[in-house]
Amino acid sequence: MKIWYGVLLIALILSIACGNGRGEPDIDSTVLLTVNTESDKISSQRVASKVSSEFTISLKICEDDDGPDCAKLRLGDDYFTTLNPAKGYLFSCIGKNPNAPGSDETKITWINFADKTWNFFKKLWLPSGTFKPEVGTYRETVSEGTREIKINNLPVDEEIGDWPMTNYPALTFIDRNPGIPVSQNVSVSYPVIPSEAKSPTCLSLGAIGVTKNGVVIYNAADARGEDAVAREIVDEFGGHPARSDYHYHFIPERLDNDFFRDGHSEIVGYINDGFPIYGYKGVGGVEMSNDQLDLCHGHNHGILGYHYHATIEYPYTVGCYRGEPISN
């Protein structure tokens, strides 16, 4: 009897290792596998743990003592408001929609819902692979006080995940996003010298800005009004598609690769009110956090004037518009 159970156990392990021909376990095996014998029990948690290690990444900004603790980032769900802008909040024009599509929180292992925190190092990300869309474009021209930017909404550096994610059952079991990024011509015009509005403006769904890597920026919330970076599975390069619209909910660290002499990050993109968004570092190369930024996730200093900053904590890019947003 013990020999028979041993054969069954080996067969199950082999089926997990070879399940879908990509070196990934079939999702049913990943989550539901439970083998009871006289001496052995294989829990779904152990199998899921092995799968998780294949889809995790790290960040350089998480390796030092500057900024937030990447193993215990605050979950942004409770920092979403439609009433008034507030420091560290996302001021949205549209309320939450719990019926919108999104990830299945009962299957998310990297969020501590009791503490309302999430662990960047344990989050799952879609890896790179064979998917190779059209090369991204970014063209910026300045004329008569207007900055015109034209993109095709695909990464200029060609860094993109292996979409569609449906090829990875272990990931689509958690987040059933079937989208595939495609090229889309986008043109926006911003004032070269934007001005601050009398009061901040709320953020809508869809694109709130554009990166110099040729990909648009969405705000920090998913369609449900929950923390998109914490909850949704995006690719290891920081983006994912809404149907065919590829976008970032935060600034991928690799885009923050140019710095001034004082260590301050350079511009990584522009927000829809015309103000630039800089990378993760402030003066002296110190990583920025919500504590150092205002209600809209920006600040005003020196010759740089008013500008936004990327952070690794919610709301990641912008909390509201400090200037008047464009209509295009």
C-alpha atoms as a PDB file:
ATOM      1  CA  MET A   1       0.000   0.000   0.000  1.00  0.00           C
ATOM      2  CA  LYS A   2       2.783   2.471   0.870  1.00  0.00           C
ATOM      3  CA  ILE A   3       4.541   1.691  -2.427  1.00  0.00           C
ATOM      4  CA  TRP A   4       1.328   2.458  -4.345  1.00  0.00           C
ATOM      5  CA  TYR A   5       0.948   5.787  -2.539  1.00  0.00           C
ATOM      6  CA  GLY A   6       4.564   6.609  -3.342  1.00  0.00           C
ATOM      7  CA  VAL A   7       3.957   6.025  -7.058  1.00  0.00           C
ATOM      8  CA  LEU A   8       0.850   8.206  -6.920  1.00  0.00           C
ATOM      9  CA  LEU A   9       2.791  10.996  -5.219  1.00  0.00           C
ATOM     10  CA  ILE A  10       5.578  10.904  -7.833  1.00  0.00           C
ATOM     11  CA  ALA A  11       3.021  10.974 -10.642  1.00  0.00           C
ATOM     12  CA  LEU A  12       1.323  14.022  -9.146  1.00  0.00           C
ATOM     13  CA  ILE A  13       4.615  15.875  -8.729  1.00  0.00           C
ATOM     14  CA  LEU A  14       5.579  15.112 -12.346  1.00  0.00           C
ATOM     15  CA  SER A  15       2.198  16.351 -13.567  1.00  0.00           C
ATOM     16  CA  ILE A  16       2.742  19.626 -11.700  1.00  0.00           C
ATOM     17  CA  ALA A  17       6.213  20.119 -13.160  1.00  0.00           C
ATOM     18  CA  CYS A  18       5.109  19.380 -16.742  1.00  0.00           C
ATOM     19  CA  GLY A  19       1.454  20.418 -16.618  1.00  0.00           C
ATOM     20  CA  ASN A  20       1.212  22.992 -19.368  1.00  0.00           C
ATOM     21  CA  GLY A  21       4.421  22.596 -21.335  1.00  0.00           C
ATOM     22  CA  ARG A  22       5.861  25.924 -20.120  1.00  0.00           C
ATOM     23  CA  GLY A  23       7.509  24.660 -16.947  1.00  0.00           C
ATOM     24  CA  GLU A  24       4.610  26.020 -14.907  1.00  0.00           C
ATOM     25  CA  PRO A  25       2.140  24.000 -12.866  1.00  0.00           C
ATOM     26  CA  ASP A  26      -1.450  23.777 -14.036  1.00  0.00           C
ATOM     27  CA  ILE A  27      -3.517  26.138 -11.926  1.00  0.00           C
ATOM     28  CA  ASP A  28      -5.763  23.388 -10.613  1.00  0.00           C
ATOM     29  CA  SER A  29      -2.687  21.607  -9.295  1.00  0.00           C
ATOM     30  CA  THR A  30      -1.243  24.831  -7.914  1.00  0.00           C
ATOM     31  CA  VAL A  31      -4.201  25.717  -5.766  1.00  0.00           C
ATOM     32  CA  LEU A  32      -6.254  22.611  -5.169  1.00  0.00           C
ATOM     33  CA  LEU A  33      -3.669  19.846  -4.833  1.00  0.00           C
ATOM     34  CA  THR A  34      -4.058  17.978  -1.542  1.00  0.00           C
ATOM     35  CA  VAL A  35      -2.781  14.398  -1.281  1.00  0.00           C
ATOM     36  CA  ASN A  36      -3.577  12.442   1.855  1.00  0.00           C
ATOM     37  CA  THR A  37      -1.627   9.237   2.512  1.00  0.00           C
ATOM     38  CA  GLU A  38      -0.638   7.451   5.678  1.00  0.00           C
ATOM     39  CA  SER A  39       2.576   9.459   5.977  1.00  0.00           C
ATOM     40  CA  ASP A  40       2.463  12.381   3.510  1.00  0.00           C
ATOM     41  CA  LYS A  41       0.363  15.513   3.052  1.00  0.00           C
ATOM     42  CA  ILE A  42       1.104  18.011   0.302  1.00  0.00           C
ATOM     43  CA  SER A  43      -0.705  21.285   0.935  1.00  0.00           C
ATOM     44  CA  SER A  44      -1.733  23.757  -1.745  1.00  0.00           C
ATOM     45  CA  GLN A  45       0.149  26.436   0.180  1.00  0.00           C
ATOM     46  CA  ARG A  46       3.503  24.681  -0.350  1.00  0.00           C
ATOM     47  CA  VAL A  47       2.917  24.313  -4.080  1.00  0.00           C
ATOM     48  CA  ALA A  48       1.733  27.923  -4.354  1.00  0.00           C
ATOM     49  CA  SER A  49       4.878  29.061  -2.508  1.00  0.00           C
ATOM     50  CA  LYS A  50       7.072  27.322  -5.081  1.00  0.00           C
ATOM     51  CA  VAL A  51       5.101  28.915  -7.917  1.00  0.00           C
ATOM     52  CA  SER A  52       5.337  32.370  -6.310  1.00  0.00           C
ATOM     53  CA  SER A  53       9.141  32.345  -6.331  1.00  0.00           C
ATOM     54  CA  GLU A  54       9.104  32.039 -10.133  1.00  0.00           C
ATOM     55  CA  PHE A  55       7.184  35.292 -10.629  1.00  0.00           C
ATOM     56  CA  THR A  56       8.723  37.701  -8.091  1.00  0.00           C
ATOM     57  CA  ILE A  57      11.071  40.658  -8.698  1.00  0.00           C
ATOM     58  CA  SER A  58      13.093  43.173  -6.659  1.00  0.00           C
ATOM     59  CA  LEU A  59      13.838  46.910  -6.755  1.00  0.00           C
ATOM     60  CA  LYS A  60      17.070  48.787  -6.090  1.00  0.00           C
ATOM     61  CA  ILE A  61      15.202  51.463  -4.140  1.00  0.00           C
ATOM     62  CA  CYS A  62      14.050  48.738  -1.775  1.00  0.00           C
ATOM     63  CA  GLU A  63      17.617  47.755  -0.903  1.00  0.00           C
ATOM     64  CA  ASP A  64      18.432  50.759   1.314  1.00  0.00           C
ATOM     65  CA  ASP A  65      16.905  52.404   4.378  1.00  0.00           C
ATOM     66  CA  ASP A  66      15.501  55.383   2.441  1.00  0.00           C
ATOM     67  CA  GLY A  67      11.796  55.581   1.789  1.00  0.00           C
ATOM     68  CA  PRO A  68       9.018  53.160   2.738  1.00  0.00           C
ATOM     69  CA  ASP A  69       9.569  49.531   3.760  1.00  0.00           C
ATOM     70  CA  CYS A  70       8.909  47.543   0.567  1.00  0.00           C
ATOM     71  CA  ALA A  71       8.008  44.460   2.579  1.00  0.00           C
ATOM     72  CA  LYS A  72       5.252  46.366   4.348  1.00  0.00           C
ATOM     73  CA  LEU A  73       3.812  48.964   1.991  1.00  0.00           C
ATOM     74  CA  ARG A  74       0.486  50.427   3.011  1.00  0.00           C
ATOM     75  CA  LEU A  75      -2.486  49.173   1.008  1.00  0.00           C
ATOM     76  CA  GLY A  76      -4.085  52.113  -0.767  1.00  0.00           C
ATOM     77  CA  ASP A  77      -7.707  50.944  -0.685  1.00  0.00           C
ATOM     78  CA  ASP A  78      -8.602  53.184   2.270  1.00  0.00           C
ATOM     79  CA  TYR A  79      -6.761  56.190   0.817  1.00  0.00           C
ATOM     80  CA  PHE A  80      -9.197  56.712  -2.051  1.00  0.00           C
ATOM     81  CA  THR A  81     -11.580  59.656  -1.795  1.00  0.00           C
ATOM     82  CA  THR A  82     -14.081  61.549  -3.923  1.00  0.00           C
ATOM     83  CA  LEU A  83     -14.603  64.320  -1.355  1.00  0.00           C
ATOM     84  CA  ASN A  84     -11.457  66.426  -1.008  1.00  0.00           C
ATOM     85  CA  PRO A  85      -7.763  66.045  -1.807  1.00  0.00           C
ATOM     86  CA  ALA A  86      -5.567  64.912   1.076  1.00  0.00           C
ATOM     87  CA  LYS A  87      -1.913  64.069   1.560  1.00  0.00           C
ATOM     88  CA  GLY A  88      -1.215  60.483   0.564  1.00  0.00           C
ATOM     89  CA  TYR A  89      -4.687  60.017  -0.949  1.00  0.00           C
ATOM     90  CA  LEU A  90      -6.017  59.588  -4.471  1.00  0.00           C
ATOM     91  CA  PHE A  91      -8.666  62.258  -5.146  1.00  0.00           C
ATOM     92  CA  SER A  92     -10.909  60.578  -7.716  1.00  0.00           C
ATOM     93  CA  CYS A  93     -13.704  62.021  -9.847  1.00  0.00           C
ATOM     94  CA  ILE A  94     -15.470  58.643  -9.808  1.00  0.00           C
ATOM     95  CA  GLY A  95     -16.451  56.552  -6.799  1.00  0.00           C
ATOM     96  CA  LYS A  96     -15.612  52.916  -6.175  1.00  0.00           C
ATOM     97  CA  ASN A  97     -17.223  50.175  -8.248  1.00  0.00           C
ATOM     98  CA  PRO A  98     -16.985  46.819  -6.459  1.00  0.00           C
ATOM     99  CA  ASN A  99     -18.604  45.046  -9.430  1.00  0.00           C
ATOM    100  CA  ALA A 100     -15.846  45.974 -11.884  1.00  0.00           C
ATOM    101  CA  PRO A 101     -13.462  43.233 -13.054  1.00  0.00           C
ATOM    102  CA  GLY A 102     -10.213  42.740 -11.187  1.00  0.00           C
ATOM    103  CA  SER A 103      -8.107  40.301  -9.240  1.00  0.00           C
ATOM    104  CA  ASP A 104      -9.565  37.763  -6.807  1.00  0.00           C
ATOM    105  CA  GLU A 105      -8.469  38.887  -3.360  1.00  0.00           C
ATOM    106  CA  THR A 106      -9.155  35.448  -1.876  1.00  0.00           C
ATOM    107  CA  LYS A 107      -6.251  34.156  -3.954  1.00  0.00           C
ATOM    108  CA  ILE A 108      -3.795  37.005  -3.286  1.00  0.00           C
ATOM    109  CA  THR A 109      -0.973  35.870  -0.986  1.00  0.00           C
ATOM    110  CA  TRP A 110       1.173  39.022  -0.819  1.00  0.00           C
ATOM    111  CA  ILE A 111      -1.381  41.299   0.863  1.00  0.00           C
ATOM    112  CA  ASN A 112      -1.870  41.253   4.619  1.00  0.00           C
ATOM    113  CA  PHE A 113      -5.515  42.315   4.772  1.00  0.00           C
ATOM    114  CA  ALA A 114      -5.515  42.398   8.573  1.00  0.00           C
ATOM    115  CA  ASP A 115      -2.655  44.920   8.692  1.00  0.00           C
ATOM    116  CA  LYS A 116      -3.681  46.543   5.387  1.00  0.00           C
ATOM    117  CA  THR A 117      -0.170  46.240   3.979  1.00  0.00           C
ATOM    118  CA  TRP A 118       1.389  44.448   1.025  1.00  0.00           C
ATOM    119  CA  ASN A 119       4.785  42.930   0.339  1.00  0.00           C
ATOM    120  CA  PHE A 120       6.458  44.007  -2.905  1.00  0.00           C
ATOM    121  CA  PHE A 121       8.896  41.087  -2.777  1.00  0.00           C
ATOM    122  CA  LYS A 122       6.100  38.497  -2.600  1.00  0.00           C
ATOM    123  CA  LYS A 123       3.831  40.025  -5.249  1.00  0.00           C
ATOM    124  CA  LEU A 124       3.533  38.095  -8.522  1.00  0.00           C
ATOM    125  CA  TRP A 125       4.486  39.674 -11.861  1.00  0.00           C
ATOM    126  CA  LEU A 126       4.116  38.468 -15.440  1.00  0.00           C
ATOM    127  CA  PRO A 127       7.601  37.574 -16.765  1.00  0.00           C
ATOM    128  CA  SER A 128       9.130  38.418 -20.131  1.00  0.00           C
ATOM    129  CA  GLY A 129       8.817  35.946 -22.971  1.00  0.00           C
ATOM    130  CA  THR A 130       8.165  35.732 -26.686  1.00  0.00           C
ATOM    131  CA  PHE A 131       5.606  38.547 -27.005  1.00  0.00           C
ATOM    132  CA  LYS A 132       7.143  41.258 -29.210  1.00  0.00           C
ATOM    133  CA  PRO A 133       4.763  44.040 -30.270  1.00  0.00           C
ATOM    134  CA  GLU A 134       5.621  47.028 -32.408  1.00  0.00           C
ATOM    135  CA  VAL A 135       8.525  49.171 -31.154  1.00  0.00           C
ATOM    136  CA  GLY A 136       7.386  52.078 -28.994  1.00  0.00           C
ATOM    137  CA  THR A 137       7.693  55.703 -30.102  1.00  0.00           C
ATOM    138  CA  TYR A 138       7.957  59.027 -28.268  1.00  0.00           C
ATOM    139  CA  ARG A 139       8.188  62.338 -30.113  1.00  0.00           C
ATOM    140  CA  GLU A 140       8.212  65.642 -28.244  1.00  0.00           C
ATOM    141  CA  THR A 141       8.186  69.070 -29.880  1.00  0.00           C
ATOM    142  CA  VAL A 142       7.947  72.500 -28.260  1.00  0.00           C
ATOM    143  CA  SER A 143       6.526  75.457 -30.157  1.00  0.00           C
ATOM    144  CA  GLU A 144       4.974  78.757 -29.080  1.00  0.00           C
ATOM    145  CA  GLY A 145       4.450  77.775 -25.482  1.00  0.00           C
ATOM    146  CA  THR A 146       3.017  74.332 -26.247  1.00  0.00           C
ATOM    147  CA  ARG A 147       4.620  70.946 -25.688  1.00  0.00           C
ATOM    148  CA  GLU A 148       3.234  68.375 -28.112  1.00  0.00           C
ATOM    149  CA  ILE A 149       3.889  64.693 -27.436  1.00  0.00           C
ATOM    150  CA  LYS A 150       3.072  61.861 -29.814  1.00  0.00           C
ATOM    151  CA  ILE A 151       3.364  58.196 -28.822  1.00  0.00           C
ATOM    152  CA  ASN A 152       2.095  54.807 -29.948  1.00  0.00           C
ATOM    153  CA  ASN A 153       1.590  53.688 -26.323  1.00  0.00           C
ATOM    154  CA  LEU A 154       4.160  50.898 -26.405  1.00  0.00           C
ATOM    155  CA  PRO A 155       7.519  50.960 -24.571  1.00  0.00           C
ATOM    156  CA  VAL A 156      10.328  52.741 -26.408  1.00  0.00           C
ATOM    157  CA  ASP A 157      12.840  50.503 -24.613  1.00  0.00           C
ATOM    158  CA  GLU A 158      10.842  47.434 -25.807  1.00  0.00           C
ATOM    159  CA  GLU A 159      10.637  46.090 -22.247  1.00  0.00           C
ATOM    160  CA  ILE A 160       7.256  44.375 -21.969  1.00  0.00           C
ATOM    161  CA  GLY A 161       5.849  41.188 -20.468  1.00  0.00           C
ATOM    162  CA  ASP A 162       4.766  38.004 -22.180  1.00  0.00           C
ATOM    163  CA  TRP A 163       1.162  38.914 -22.934  1.00  0.00           C
ATOM    164  CA  PRO A 164      -1.459  37.525 -23.029  1.00  0.00           C
ATOM    165  CA  MET A 165      -1.325  36.434 -19.412  1.00  0.00           C
ATOM    166  CA  THR A 166      -3.740  33.600 -20.219  1.00  0.00           C
ATOM    167  CA  ASN A 167      -0.635  31.586 -21.139  1.00  0.00           C
ATOM    168  CA  TYR A 168       0.197  31.566 -17.414  1.00  0.00           C
ATOM    169  CA  PRO A 169      -2.628  29.789 -15.568  1.00  0.00           C
ATOM    170  CA  ALA A 170      -0.959  30.293 -12.169  1.00  0.00           C
ATOM    171  CA  LEU A 171      -1.345  34.064 -12.719  1.00  0.00           C
ATOM    172  CA  THR A 172      -4.746  34.190 -14.422  1.00  0.00           C
ATOM    173  CA  PHE A 173      -6.162  32.145 -11.560  1.00  0.00           C
ATOM    174  CA  ILE A 174      -5.604  35.296  -9.473  1.00  0.00           C
ATOM    175  CA  ASP A 175      -6.157  38.002 -12.108  1.00  0.00           C
ATOM    176  CA  ARG A 176      -8.131  37.027 -15.225  1.00  0.00           C
ATOM    177  CA  ASN A 177      -6.872  39.868 -17.424  1.00  0.00           C
ATOM    178  CA  PRO A 178      -7.073  38.574 -21.047  1.00  0.00           C
ATOM    179  CA  GLY A 179      -5.754  41.780 -22.625  1.00  0.00           C
ATOM    180  CA  ILE A 180      -3.054  42.057 -25.285  1.00  0.00           C
ATOM    181  CA  PRO A 181      -1.239  45.406 -25.787  1.00  0.00           C
ATOM    182  CA  VAL A 182      -1.446  46.898 -29.280  1.00  0.00           C
ATOM    183  CA  SER A 183      -0.081  50.061 -30.876  1.00  0.00           C
ATOM    184  CA  GLN A 184      -2.297  53.129 -30.542  1.00  0.00           C
ATOM    185  CA  ASN A 185      -1.552  56.609 -31.799  1.00  0.00           C
ATOM    186  CA  VAL A 186      -1.842  59.129 -28.965  1.00  0.00           C
ATOM    187  CA  SER A 187      -1.225  62.865 -29.216  1.00  0.00           C
ATOM    188  CA  VAL A 188      -1.339  65.326 -26.314  1.00  0.00           C
ATOM    189  CA  SER A 189      -0.547  69.012 -25.950  1.00  0.00           C
ATOM    190  CA  TYR A 190       0.586  70.564 -22.683  1.00  0.00           C
ATOM    191  CA  PRO A 191       1.544  74.119 -21.743  1.00  0.00           C
ATOM    192  CA  VAL A 192       5.320  74.494 -21.543  1.00  0.00           C
ATOM    193  CA  ILE A 193       4.886  76.688 -18.475  1.00  0.00           C
ATOM    194  CA  PRO A 194       1.858  75.318 -16.604  1.00  0.00           C
ATOM    195  CA  SER A 195       0.307  77.292 -13.772  1.00  0.00           C
ATOM    196  CA  GLU A 196      -1.170  76.138 -10.498  1.00  0.00           C
ATOM    197  CA  ALA A 197      -4.949  76.249 -10.293  1.00  0.00           C
ATOM    198  CA  LYS A 198      -6.811  77.922  -7.422  1.00  0.00           C
ATOM    199  CA  SER A 199      -7.718  74.495  -6.082  1.00  0.00           C
ATOM    200  CA  PRO A 200      -6.708  70.918  -6.949  1.00  0.00           C
ATOM    201  CA  THR A 201      -8.753  68.876  -9.425  1.00  0.00           C
ATOM    202  CA  CYS A 202      -9.815  65.238  -9.156  1.00  0.00           C
ATOM    203  CA  LEU A 203      -8.385  62.460 -11.335  1.00  0.00           C
ATOM    204  CA  SER A 204     -10.542  60.546 -13.795  1.00  0.00           C
ATOM    205  CA  LEU A 205     -10.154  56.985 -15.047  1.00  0.00           C
ATOM    206  CA  GLY A 206      -7.878  56.382 -18.018  1.00  0.00           C
ATOM    207  CA  ALA A 207      -4.688  58.213 -18.908  1.00  0.00           C
ATOM    208  CA  ILE A 208      -3.607  60.975 -16.508  1.00  0.00           C
ATOM    209  CA  GLY A 209      -0.213  61.501 -18.140  1.00  0.00           C
ATOM    210  CA  VAL A 210       2.490  60.033 -20.325  1.00  0.00           C
ATOM    211  CA  THR A 211       6.007  58.726 -19.691  1.00  0.00           C
ATOM    212  CA  LYS A 212       9.017  59.476 -21.840  1.00  0.00           C
ATOM    213  CA  ASN A 213       9.113  55.742 -22.497  1.00  0.00           C
ATOM    214  CA  GLY A 214       6.038  56.198 -24.690  1.00  0.00           C
ATOM    215  CA  VAL A 215       3.485  54.594 -22.345  1.00  0.00           C
ATOM    216  CA  VAL A 216       0.571  56.400 -20.683  1.00  0.00           C
ATOM    217  CA  ILE A 217       0.106  56.635 -16.911  1.00  0.00           C
ATOM    218  CA  TYR A 218      -3.146  55.673 -15.172  1.00  0.00           C
ATOM    219  CA  ASN A 219      -3.900  56.739 -11.612  1.00  0.00           C
ATOM    220  CA  ALA A 220      -3.217  54.448  -8.649  1.00  0.00           C
ATOM    221  CA  ALA A 221      -6.663  52.822  -8.546  1.00  0.00           C
ATOM    222  CA  ASP A 222      -8.050  49.923 -10.531  1.00  0.00           C
ATOM    223  CA  ALA A 223     -11.572  49.921 -11.988  1.00  0.00           C
ATOM    224  CA  ARG A 224     -12.961  49.004  -8.559  1.00  0.00           C
ATOM    225  CA  GLY A 225     -11.260  51.947  -6.870  1.00  0.00           C
ATOM    226  CA  GLU A 226      -8.754  49.704  -5.096  1.00  0.00           C
ATOM    227  CA  ASP A 227      -4.945  49.801  -5.040  1.00  0.00           C
ATOM    228  CA  ALA A 228      -4.011  48.707  -8.566  1.00  0.00           C
ATOM    229  CA  VAL A 229      -0.286  48.240  -7.944  1.00  0.00           C
ATOM    230  CA  ALA A 230      -0.883  46.084  -4.883  1.00  0.00           C
ATOM    231  CA  ARG A 231      -3.744  44.009  -6.255  1.00  0.00           C
ATOM    232  CA  GLU A 232      -3.425  43.645 -10.017  1.00  0.00           C
ATOM    233  CA  ILE A 233      -0.851  41.449 -11.712  1.00  0.00           C
ATOM    234  CA  VAL A 234       1.211  43.553 -14.096  1.00  0.00           C
ATOM    235  CA  ASP A 235       4.312  42.537 -15.988  1.00  0.00           C
ATOM    236  CA  GLU A 236       7.797  42.674 -14.477  1.00  0.00           C
ATOM    237  CA  PHE A 237       8.387  45.886 -16.438  1.00  0.00           C
ATOM    238  CA  GLY A 238       5.539  47.692 -14.675  1.00  0.00           C
ATOM    239  CA  GLY A 239       2.663  47.694 -17.163  1.00  0.00           C
ATOM    240  CA  HIS A 240      -0.432  45.812 -18.190  1.00  0.00           C
ATOM    241  CA  PRO A 241      -3.258  46.215 -20.702  1.00  0.00           C
ATOM    242  CA  ALA A 242      -6.836  47.318 -20.170  1.00  0.00           C
ATOM    243  CA  ARG A 243      -8.082  45.273 -23.131  1.00  0.00           C
ATOM    244  CA  SER A 244      -5.491  46.578 -25.615  1.00  0.00           C
ATOM    245  CA  ASP A 245      -4.485  49.808 -23.826  1.00  0.00           C
ATOM    246  CA  TYR A 246      -1.100  49.264 -22.206  1.00  0.00           C
ATOM    247  CA  HIS A 247      -0.374  51.539 -19.223  1.00  0.00           C
ATOM    248  CA  TYR A 248       1.553  52.050 -15.990  1.00  0.00           C
ATOM    249  CA  HIS A 249      -0.018  52.645 -12.554  1.00  0.00           C
ATOM    250  CA  PHE A 250       3.396  53.532 -11.127  1.00  0.00           C
ATOM    251  CA  ILE A 251       6.730  54.576 -12.591  1.00  0.00           C
ATOM    252  CA  PRO A 252       8.921  51.554 -13.428  1.00  0.00           C
ATOM    253  CA  GLU A 253      12.235  52.019 -11.662  1.00  0.00           C
ATOM    254  CA  ARG A 254      14.306  51.602 -14.825  1.00  0.00           C
ATOM    255  CA  LEU A 255      12.797  54.816 -16.237  1.00  0.00           C
ATOM    256  CA  ASP A 256      14.346  56.743 -13.343  1.00  0.00           C
ATOM    257  CA  ASN A 257      17.848  56.536 -14.819  1.00  0.00           C
ATOM    258  CA  ASP A 258      18.951  60.162 -15.250  1.00  0.00           C
ATOM    259  CA  PHE A 259      19.933  62.458 -12.390  1.00  0.00           C
ATOM    260  CA  PHE A 260      21.080  66.024 -11.835  1.00  0.00           C
ATOM    261  CA  ARG A 261      24.421  66.757 -10.173  1.00  0.00           C
ATOM    262  CA  ASP A 262      22.741  67.010  -6.782  1.00  0.00           C
ATOM    263  CA  GLY A 263      21.288  63.511  -7.141  1.00  0.00           C
ATOM    264  CA  HIS A 264      17.737  64.684  -7.907  1.00  0.00           C
ATOM    265  CA  SER A 265      15.916  62.548 -10.472  1.00  0.00           C
ATOM    266  CA  GLU A 266      15.228  64.041 -13.882  1.00  0.00           C
ATOM    267  CA  ILE A 267      11.869  64.117 -15.670  1.00  0.00           C
ATOM    268  CA  VAL A 268      10.307  60.721 -16.405  1.00  0.00           C
ATOM    269  CA  GLY A 269       7.043  62.037 -17.895  1.00  0.00           C
ATOM    270  CA  TYR A 270       4.331  64.674 -17.921  1.00  0.00           C
ATOM    271  CA  ILE A 271       0.947  64.794 -16.190  1.00  0.00           C
ATOM    272  CA  ASN A 272      -2.186  66.068 -17.928  1.00  0.00           C
ATOM    273  CA  ASP A 273      -1.990  69.507 -16.326  1.00  0.00           C
ATOM    274  CA  GLY A 274       1.398  70.046 -17.962  1.00  0.00           C
ATOM    275  CA  PHE A 275       3.519  69.683 -14.836  1.00  0.00           C
ATOM    276  CA  PRO A 276       6.366  67.191 -15.097  1.00  0.00           C
ATOM    277  CA  ILE A 277       6.754  64.119 -12.949  1.00  0.00           C
ATOM    278  CA  TYR A 278      10.263  63.314 -11.774  1.00  0.00           C
ATOM    279  CA  GLY A 279      11.625  59.974 -10.585  1.00  0.00           C
ATOM    280  CA  TYR A 280      12.037  58.580  -7.081  1.00  0.00           C
ATOM    281  CA  LYS A 281      14.907  60.749  -5.842  1.00  0.00           C
ATOM    282  CA  GLY A 282      14.890  64.266  -4.427  1.00  0.00           C
ATOM    283  CA  VAL A 283      17.811  66.576  -3.595  1.00  0.00           C
ATOM    284  CA  GLY A 284      20.830  64.634  -2.408  1.00  0.00           C
ATOM    285  CA  GLY A 285      19.571  61.481  -4.065  1.00  0.00           C
ATOM    286  CA  VAL A 286      17.197  60.797  -1.154  1.00  0.00           C
ATOM    287  CA  GLU A 287      14.168  58.651  -1.990  1.00  0.00           C
ATOM    288  CA  MET A 288      10.926  60.602  -1.809  1.00  0.00           C
ATOM    289  CA  SER A 289       7.901  59.641   0.287  1.00  0.00           C
ATOM    290  CA  ASN A 290       4.413  61.015   0.888  1.00  0.00           C
ATOM    291  CA  ASP A 291       5.679  62.906   3.939  1.00  0.00           C
ATOM    292  CA  GLN A 292       7.776  65.164   1.718  1.00  0.00           C
ATOM    293  CA  LEU A 293       5.040  65.856  -0.834  1.00  0.00           C
ATOM    294  CA  ASP A 294       1.795  67.836  -0.875  1.00  0.00           C
ATOM    295  CA  LEU A 295      -1.859  66.916  -1.419  1.00  0.00           C
ATOM    296  CA  CYS A 296      -1.289  66.213  -5.109  1.00  0.00           C
ATOM    297  CA  HIS A 297       1.971  64.276  -4.590  1.00  0.00           C
ATOM    298  CA  GLY A 298       4.250  67.101  -5.659  1.00  0.00           C
ATOM    299  CA  HIS A 299       6.176  70.063  -4.297  1.00  0.00           C
ATOM    300  CA  ASN A 300       7.687  73.361  -5.362  1.00  0.00           C
ATOM    301  CA  HIS A 301      11.364  74.136  -4.978  1.00  0.00           C
ATOM    302  CA  GLY A 302      14.256  75.876  -6.696  1.00  0.00           C
ATOM    303  CA  ILE A 303      14.560  76.305 -10.439  1.00  0.00           C
ATOM    304  CA  LEU A 304      12.488  73.172 -11.013  1.00  0.00           C
ATOM    305  CA  GLY A 305       9.361  74.925  -9.832  1.00  0.00           C
ATOM    306  CA  TYR A 306       6.313  72.826  -9.077  1.00  0.00           C
ATOM    307  CA  HIS A 307       6.568  69.151 -10.048  1.00  0.00           C
ATOM    308  CA  TYR A 308       5.334  65.709  -9.078  1.00  0.00           C
ATOM    309  CA  HIS A 309       7.421  62.782  -7.849  1.00  0.00           C
ATOM    310  CA  ALA A 310       7.195  59.032  -8.222  1.00  0.00           C
ATOM    311  CA  THR A 311       7.106  57.041  -4.979  1.00  0.00           C
ATOM    312  CA  ILE A 312       6.861  53.358  -4.194  1.00  0.00           C
ATOM    313  CA  GLU A 313       3.947  54.036  -1.856  1.00  0.00           C
ATOM    314  CA  TYR A 314       0.352  54.835  -2.810  1.00  0.00           C
ATOM    315  CA  PRO A 315      -0.693  56.944  -4.727  1.00  0.00           C
ATOM    316  CA  TYR A 316       2.596  56.243  -6.575  1.00  0.00           C
ATOM    317  CA  THR A 317       2.445  59.094  -9.132  1.00  0.00           C
ATOM    318  CA  VAL A 318      -0.233  61.766  -8.628  1.00  0.00           C
ATOM    319  CA  GLY A 319      -2.926  62.282  -5.997  1.00  0.00           C
ATOM    320  CA  CYS A 320      -4.744  65.090  -7.836  1.00  0.00           C
ATOM    321  CA  TYR A 321      -4.061  67.719 -10.493  1.00  0.00           C
ATOM    322  CA  ARG A 322      -2.322  70.811  -9.158  1.00  0.00           C
ATOM    323  CA  GLY A 323      -2.878  72.635 -12.446  1.00  0.00           C
ATOM    324  CA  GLU A 324      -5.719  72.730 -14.959  1.00  0.00           C
ATOM    325  CA  PRO A 325      -5.927  69.356 -16.753  1.00  0.00           C
ATOM    326  CA  ILE A 326      -6.074  69.283 -20.522  1.00  0.00           C
ATOM    327  CA  SER A 327      -9.143  68.001 -22.339  1.00  0.00           C
ATOM    328  CA  ASN A 328      -7.267  66.025 -25.029  1.00  0.00           C
END
